[in-house]
Amino acid sequence: VQCDSLVGGAATYLLLGVQELQAPALGVTILVAPAQATVFQLQATGAQGAPGTGVAMAPLPIPSDPAFLGIEVFLQAVAVDPGAPGGLVSASNGLAVTVCP
């Protein structure tokens, strides 16, 4: 999973969960239910503090196990962004992924 156009060097959090949500928090809309989510802490590359220069990546391995077929997971990135409208964080669109054969 790759998140780009972040603030350079920004602390970034990738939410991965099995339940969707649409809840306002910190000036953005959170789209992954945090109670059931796994949160991966990432660090954006790019020039420290430079808007739009940051990229954060995380591998998303999918086990080769038939038990995972048909499971849908939801992802969203949230990054520290003092230039965001709320002055705290910016968030990506949500992503839904269904495991297929």
Protein backbone atom coordinates (compact mmCIF):
# COMPACT_ATOMS: atom_id res chain seq x y z
CA VAL A 1 0.00 0.00 0.00
CA GLN A 2 1.43 3.38 -0.97
CA CYS A 3 0.29 6.78 0.28
CA ASP A 4 1.67 9.79 -1.53
CA SER A 5 1.35 13.59 -1.60
CA LEU A 6 1.96 13.67 2.16
CA VAL A 7 3.87 16.29 4.10
CA GLY A 8 7.53 15.29 3.94
CA GLY A 9 8.63 13.37 7.03
CA ALA A 10 5.09 13.24 8.44
CA ALA A 11 4.07 10.61 10.96
CA THR A 12 1.52 8.53 9.05
CA TYR A 13 -0.88 5.89 10.29
CA LEU A 14 -2.40 3.19 8.10
CA LEU A 15 -5.70 1.87 9.46
CA LEU A 16 -6.67 -1.64 8.35
CA GLY A 17 -9.92 -3.16 9.58
CA VAL A 18 -12.86 -5.36 8.72
CA GLN A 19 -15.57 -2.82 9.49
CA GLU A 20 -16.40 0.42 7.67
CA LEU A 21 -17.18 3.62 9.51
CA GLN A 22 -17.95 7.24 8.68
CA ALA A 23 -17.17 9.31 11.75
CA PRO A 24 -15.76 12.82 12.08
CA ALA A 25 -12.56 13.07 14.15
CA LEU A 26 -9.69 15.56 14.23
CA GLY A 27 -11.19 17.50 11.31
CA VAL A 28 -11.37 14.51 8.93
CA THR A 29 -13.77 11.62 8.34
CA ILE A 30 -12.47 8.31 9.65
CA LEU A 31 -13.61 5.47 7.37
CA VAL A 32 -12.26 2.40 9.21
CA ALA A 33 -13.74 1.41 12.59
CA PRO A 34 -10.74 1.91 14.92
CA ALA A 35 -11.95 -0.50 17.63
CA GLN A 36 -11.42 -3.48 15.29
CA ALA A 37 -8.57 -1.95 13.26
CA THR A 38 -4.88 -2.67 13.18
CA VAL A 39 -2.88 0.55 13.05
CA PHE A 40 0.49 0.59 11.32
CA GLN A 41 2.75 3.53 12.15
CA LEU A 42 4.72 4.74 9.13
CA GLN A 43 7.06 7.63 8.42
CA ALA A 44 6.71 9.59 5.18
CA THR A 45 9.79 10.18 3.08
CA GLY A 46 10.46 13.56 1.47
CA ALA A 47 11.83 16.90 2.59
CA GLN A 48 10.85 17.48 6.23
CA GLY A 49 7.75 19.67 6.39
CA ALA A 50 7.46 20.16 2.62
CA PRO A 51 3.83 19.75 1.52
CA GLY A 52 3.18 17.06 -1.10
CA THR A 53 6.68 15.57 -1.09
CA GLY A 54 6.07 12.68 1.30
CA VAL A 55 5.46 9.03 0.46
CA ALA A 56 4.72 6.27 2.98
CA MET A 57 4.57 2.59 2.06
CA ALA A 58 3.66 -0.64 3.83
CA PRO A 59 3.57 -4.19 2.49
CA LEU A 60 0.15 -5.84 2.54
CA PRO A 61 0.86 -9.55 2.29
CA ILE A 62 -2.16 -11.76 1.63
CA PRO A 63 -1.81 -15.29 3.00
CA SER A 64 -2.24 -18.14 0.54
CA ASP A 65 -5.03 -19.67 2.59
CA PRO A 66 -8.55 -20.41 1.29
CA ALA A 67 -9.98 -19.21 4.63
CA PHE A 68 -9.25 -15.63 3.54
CA LEU A 69 -11.22 -15.84 0.26
CA GLY A 70 -14.07 -13.35 0.15
CA ILE A 71 -12.92 -11.39 3.19
CA GLU A 72 -13.24 -7.64 2.73
CA VAL A 73 -10.85 -5.26 4.50
CA PHE A 74 -10.91 -1.49 4.65
CA LEU A 75 -7.89 0.81 4.65
CA GLN A 76 -7.27 4.51 5.21
CA ALA A 77 -4.14 6.58 5.80
CA VAL A 78 -4.07 9.43 8.29
CA ALA A 79 -1.04 11.73 8.44
CA VAL A 80 0.02 14.56 10.73
CA ASP A 81 -0.47 17.70 8.66
CA PRO A 82 -0.31 21.16 10.27
CA GLY A 83 -1.43 22.67 6.93
CA ALA A 84 -4.68 20.66 6.84
CA PRO A 85 -7.94 22.61 7.17
CA GLY A 86 -8.28 21.50 10.81
CA GLY A 87 -4.57 22.07 11.40
CA LEU A 88 -3.96 18.58 12.76
CA VAL A 89 -4.19 15.73 10.27
CA SER A 90 -5.15 14.89 6.71
CA ALA A 91 -6.73 11.62 5.64
CA SER A 92 -6.86 9.61 2.44
CA ASN A 93 -9.97 8.30 0.78
CA GLY A 94 -10.95 4.88 2.01
CA LEU A 95 -10.02 1.71 0.17
CA ALA A 96 -12.02 -1.54 0.24
CA VAL A 97 -10.18 -4.72 -0.76
CA THR A 98 -11.79 -8.13 -1.26
CA VAL A 99 -9.53 -11.18 -1.25
CA CYS A 100 -10.14 -13.16 -4.43
CA PRO A 101 -8.69 -16.42 -5.74
